[in-house]
Each structure stands twice: as structure tokens, then as C-alpha cells.
Amino acid sequence: DNCGQPGGQLDVHHLEGYITMAWSDSIFGPWNQSKHTLITRGAIDRWDAMVTNPSPLFPFENETAYLFFRGTQWPASGYERIGLTKAASWKGPYGRVSEDAIFTGRQDDPKTFVEDPSIWKDHKGRGYKGLFHGHFDENGYYAFAENIEGPRTFRDTPAYTNVVEMSAGKPSQAPDQRARPQLFFDEITGEPSILLTGVAPPGAKFYAHTYNFAQ
């Protein structure tokens, strides 16, 4: 698949224009795999010519399932946006809630272009929250919505930055990349307690040396 690139030349970094699913009754398998893509790509001139980085949310038992995703233009420009789809079952297929992105940045403020959605329902029922990776500055950004389908309030102040203070007198770290925010929730209170991100240390070649970081 050439992801629709004119001329048919492959860009290995962006052969990611589809989302599928695997599931099992046991963590040890056997695993089933969907025979269809969960979200179809948009036309080559749209904001979602490539779709990836899914974030599922199943807030209602046996009811509507939601799947947030990152949409990217083609050719890739770094101006990434967040889309939202839903389905009657967690197995899909998923249809777009809107043909427009639910988050789209401003050319005069690059940090408003975000990716890697991580969405959760507030443990006290106060709406729906999300963390996102700021593609241009490696900071994380926060958004809130009373209703799962929006509208959403996006906070310009970073929820976390790419500078991390270490414990036990160790020097601070400033990884070149800090993406894929995910939260671990306290099993008793239901509150977010650990932030997990994928990072690349300073000087690492692009995606050559990465690891998970817990804060």
C-alpha cells in the first residue's frame, strides 16, 4: 500500500494509514483479528489522509463505543489533528462523529497541533478528559469535555513538559522526544496516579533508541 502517495513511492515512516483490532478471552490467546480496518482513511487532500494512534473509550456497557484517532495530511506536514468515531459495538466498524477534526490547531500557534490521544472518563463522573502529545514542542496538553462528543476545552498551558526532574539528586532529563501519554489509575480511588510516556534520550537518532518512562 503506498498510502495514496503520488508516484507510488513508499515512505516507510508513514505506512501507518490503517487501524485494525485483535481480541481474546484470555491474555494467553488464542487471538482473533478483525478482517476489516476499523476506520477508513480520508481522501488524499484531507486532514485524515492517514489515520493512526487509536484511543478507545467504552463508557457505557453494551452501548456505544468510541474511538479517537490521529489524522495526518499527505504529504506529512506535522500538522496533526484528532478525530472521533463511534460504533454500536467495540468490534466496529466505526463511523466518524464528524467529518471535521475535533481538535485542529492554528498555524500561528503550532503547539495546538496534537496527536496521541489518551482519553478517560473522570472517576467522579465530571466529564471526559484527555492528554495529547504536542508534536512541535514535545510537551503534553490537556483537554476537557462535559459530553463525550464535545465540545472540548483545550488548555494552552502544558500539563507536562519534556523536562523531567529526577529523584535522589539525579540531574533533570530533557528527552528529545516525549510522546504517547498514557495514564495508570489508582486501583482504589480511580484517580490518575502514574503518567507513562515513550521517550527518546538527547542525541538519539530518530526513533532509534526509545523507552517507556514512568512519572
Protein backbone atom coordinates (compact mmCIF):
# COMPACT_ATOMS: atom_id res chain seq x y z
CA ASP A 1 0.00 0.00 0.00
CA ASN A 2 1.53 3.34 -1.00
CA CYS A 3 -0.88 5.30 1.24
CA GLY A 4 -2.01 7.18 -1.86
CA GLN A 5 1.27 8.97 -2.36
CA PRO A 6 1.58 10.39 -5.88
CA GLY A 7 4.14 8.46 -7.88
CA GLY A 8 3.72 5.38 -5.74
CA GLN A 9 6.97 5.81 -3.80
CA LEU A 10 6.88 4.42 -0.28
CA ASP A 11 7.66 6.44 2.82
CA VAL A 12 8.39 3.82 5.49
CA HIS A 13 7.69 6.21 8.34
CA HIS A 14 4.13 6.78 7.13
CA LEU A 15 2.95 3.30 6.17
CA GLU A 16 0.50 3.64 9.02
CA GLY A 17 -2.71 4.59 7.34
CA TYR A 18 -4.93 1.88 8.79
CA ILE A 19 -6.20 0.61 12.17
CA THR A 20 -7.18 -2.98 12.97
CA MET A 21 -8.01 -4.85 16.18
CA ALA A 22 -7.17 -8.14 17.87
CA TRP A 23 -9.05 -9.65 20.84
CA SER A 24 -9.07 -12.76 23.00
CA ASP A 25 -10.91 -14.23 26.00
CA SER A 26 -7.51 -14.83 27.59
CA ILE A 27 -4.30 -12.80 27.67
CA PHE A 28 -2.58 -16.01 26.54
CA GLY A 29 -4.77 -16.33 23.42
CA PRO A 30 -5.76 -17.58 21.00
CA TRP A 31 -6.25 -14.19 19.40
CA ASN A 32 -8.81 -13.12 16.83
CA GLN A 33 -8.09 -10.34 14.36
CA SER A 34 -10.55 -8.07 12.62
CA LYS A 35 -10.93 -8.71 8.93
CA HIS A 36 -11.60 -5.05 8.22
CA THR A 37 -9.97 -1.74 9.10
CA LEU A 38 -11.79 -0.01 11.94
CA ILE A 39 -11.51 3.47 10.43
CA THR A 40 -11.29 4.28 6.73
CA ARG A 41 -8.80 6.89 5.60
CA GLY A 42 -9.88 10.19 4.16
CA ALA A 43 -9.10 11.34 0.64
CA ILE A 44 -5.51 12.28 -0.12
CA ASP A 45 -6.22 16.02 0.19
CA ARG A 46 -7.96 15.76 3.59
CA TRP A 47 -6.67 16.23 7.13
CA ASP A 48 -7.12 12.48 7.75
CA ALA A 49 -5.39 11.07 4.67
CA MET A 50 -3.58 8.85 7.20
CA VAL A 51 -5.21 7.58 10.39
CA THR A 52 -3.37 6.02 13.31
CA ASN A 53 -2.77 6.07 17.10
CA PRO A 54 -6.25 4.88 18.20
CA SER A 55 -7.55 5.56 21.72
CA PRO A 56 -10.70 3.56 22.57
CA LEU A 57 -13.25 4.57 25.18
CA PHE A 58 -16.12 2.30 26.18
CA PRO A 59 -18.05 4.39 28.72
CA PHE A 60 -21.36 2.53 28.50
CA GLU A 61 -21.73 -1.22 28.92
CA ASN A 62 -23.18 -2.89 25.82
CA GLU A 63 -23.76 0.50 24.22
CA THR A 64 -21.89 2.94 22.02
CA ALA A 65 -18.12 2.54 21.77
CA TYR A 66 -15.88 5.46 20.83
CA LEU A 67 -12.51 5.54 19.13
CA PHE A 68 -10.36 8.65 19.00
CA PHE A 69 -7.54 8.79 16.43
CA ARG A 70 -4.84 10.94 14.92
CA GLY A 71 -5.34 12.26 11.42
CA THR A 72 -2.45 13.48 9.29
CA GLN A 73 -2.26 15.26 5.95
CA TRP A 74 -0.40 13.87 2.96
CA PRO A 75 2.41 14.55 2.38
CA ALA A 76 3.05 14.55 6.12
CA SER A 77 3.46 18.09 7.42
CA GLY A 78 3.42 17.68 11.20
CA TYR A 79 0.05 19.42 11.40
CA GLU A 80 -1.73 16.58 13.15
CA ARG A 81 -5.35 16.61 14.29
CA ILE A 82 -7.62 14.47 16.46
CA GLY A 83 -10.72 12.79 15.06
CA LEU A 84 -13.56 10.88 16.75
CA THR A 85 -15.53 7.85 15.58
CA LYS A 86 -18.17 5.64 17.19
CA ALA A 87 -19.79 2.23 16.72
CA ALA A 88 -22.63 0.17 18.17
CA SER A 89 -20.10 -2.45 19.30
CA TRP A 90 -16.46 -2.30 20.37
CA LYS A 91 -15.65 -4.51 17.37
CA GLY A 92 -16.73 -1.76 14.97
CA PRO A 93 -16.63 -0.79 12.20
CA TYR A 94 -16.51 2.82 13.35
CA GLY A 95 -18.09 5.81 11.65
CA ARG A 96 -16.99 9.40 12.10
CA VAL A 97 -18.91 11.57 14.55
CA SER A 98 -17.90 14.46 12.30
CA GLU A 99 -16.02 14.73 9.03
CA ASP A 100 -14.05 17.54 10.66
CA ALA A 101 -11.41 17.06 13.34
CA ILE A 102 -12.50 17.60 16.95
CA PHE A 103 -9.11 19.23 17.63
CA THR A 104 -7.41 21.24 14.92
CA GLY A 105 -4.51 23.58 15.52
CA ARG A 106 -3.77 27.12 14.44
CA GLN A 107 -0.94 27.98 12.06
CA ASP A 108 0.08 30.88 14.34
CA ASP A 109 0.40 28.56 17.36
CA PRO A 110 1.98 25.22 16.41
CA LYS A 111 1.56 23.70 19.88
CA THR A 112 -2.16 23.48 19.23
CA PHE A 113 -1.49 20.66 16.75
CA VAL A 114 -1.55 17.50 18.84
CA GLU A 115 -1.53 13.72 18.42
CA ASP A 116 -1.52 10.52 20.53
CA PRO A 117 -4.92 10.94 22.19
CA SER A 118 -5.34 9.36 25.63
CA ILE A 119 -8.95 9.71 26.77
CA TRP A 120 -10.65 8.69 30.02
CA LYS A 121 -13.86 9.21 31.94
CA ASP A 122 -13.43 11.21 35.13
CA HIS A 123 -13.59 8.99 38.23
CA LYS A 124 -16.20 11.28 39.80
CA GLY A 125 -18.36 11.50 36.71
CA ARG A 126 -17.35 15.06 35.87
CA GLY A 127 -17.00 14.55 32.15
CA TYR A 128 -14.25 13.28 29.87
CA LYS A 129 -10.60 14.20 29.95
CA GLY A 130 -7.70 13.78 27.58
CA LEU A 131 -3.93 14.11 27.29
CA PHE A 132 -2.21 14.71 23.97
CA HIS A 133 1.33 14.93 22.65
CA GLY A 134 2.31 18.32 21.26
CA HIS A 135 4.10 17.36 18.05
CA PHE A 136 6.17 20.53 17.76
CA ASP A 137 7.41 21.00 21.34
CA GLU A 138 7.26 17.52 22.97
CA ASN A 139 5.03 18.82 25.78
CA GLY A 140 1.76 17.23 26.81
CA TYR A 141 -1.56 19.08 26.62
CA TYR A 142 -4.87 18.62 28.41
CA ALA A 143 -8.48 18.94 27.26
CA PHE A 144 -11.88 18.51 28.91
CA ALA A 145 -15.43 17.90 27.74
CA GLU A 146 -18.67 17.53 29.69
CA ASN A 147 -20.04 15.28 26.93
CA ILE A 148 -18.01 12.63 25.17
CA GLU A 149 -18.80 14.06 21.72
CA GLY A 150 -17.81 17.57 22.82
CA PRO A 151 -17.43 20.47 22.61
CA ARG A 152 -14.00 20.44 24.26
CA THR A 153 -11.89 22.98 26.09
CA PHE A 154 -8.18 22.84 25.23
CA ARG A 155 -5.72 24.20 27.80
CA ASP A 156 -2.75 26.06 26.29
CA THR A 157 -0.55 25.59 29.37
CA PRO A 158 1.28 22.24 29.16
CA ALA A 159 0.11 19.50 31.52
CA TYR A 160 3.68 18.21 31.47
CA THR A 161 6.86 19.19 29.64
CA ASN A 162 9.83 17.35 28.18
CA VAL A 163 11.95 18.41 31.18
CA VAL A 164 11.68 15.85 33.98
CA GLU A 165 13.02 16.32 37.49
CA MET A 166 14.61 13.11 38.73
CA SER A 167 14.70 11.84 42.31
CA ALA A 168 17.68 11.08 44.61
CA GLY A 169 19.69 14.06 43.41
CA LYS A 170 19.94 12.89 39.81
CA PRO A 171 20.12 15.63 37.15
CA SER A 172 16.99 16.55 35.26
CA GLN A 173 16.30 14.86 31.95
CA ALA A 174 15.17 16.58 28.77
CA PRO A 175 14.44 13.87 26.19
CA ASP A 176 14.41 14.84 22.53
CA GLN A 177 11.03 13.17 22.15
CA ARG A 178 8.30 12.53 24.71
CA ALA A 179 5.13 11.11 23.22
CA ARG A 180 2.34 8.51 23.62
CA PRO A 181 0.97 9.70 27.02
CA GLN A 182 -0.95 7.01 28.90
CA LEU A 183 -2.21 7.01 32.49
CA PHE A 184 -2.21 4.33 35.17
CA PHE A 185 -5.15 4.81 37.54
CA ASP A 186 -5.12 4.15 41.27
CA GLU A 187 -7.00 0.89 41.75
CA ILE A 188 -8.72 2.14 44.92
CA THR A 189 -9.56 5.79 44.19
CA GLY A 190 -9.74 5.63 40.39
CA GLU A 191 -7.60 8.78 40.15
CA PRO A 192 -4.67 9.14 37.71
CA SER A 193 -1.50 8.19 39.59
CA ILE A 194 1.28 7.43 37.07
CA LEU A 195 1.99 9.09 33.73
CA LEU A 196 3.61 6.80 31.17
CA THR A 197 5.29 8.27 28.09
CA GLY A 198 7.55 6.99 25.35
CA VAL A 199 10.79 8.96 25.24
CA ALA A 200 13.97 9.22 23.19
CA PRO A 201 17.06 10.49 25.06
CA PRO A 202 19.05 13.52 23.87
CA GLY A 203 21.16 12.75 20.82
CA ALA A 204 19.31 9.57 19.89
CA LYS A 205 18.73 9.02 16.21
CA PHE A 206 15.11 9.45 15.18
CA TYR A 207 13.19 6.53 16.76
CA ALA A 208 16.46 4.54 17.08
CA HIS A 209 16.61 4.47 20.90
CA THR A 210 13.34 4.81 22.79
CA TYR A 211 11.94 3.52 26.06
CA ASN A 212 8.98 3.91 28.41
CA PHE A 213 9.17 6.50 31.17
CA ALA A 214 7.02 6.45 34.33
CA GLN A 215 6.46 9.63 36.33
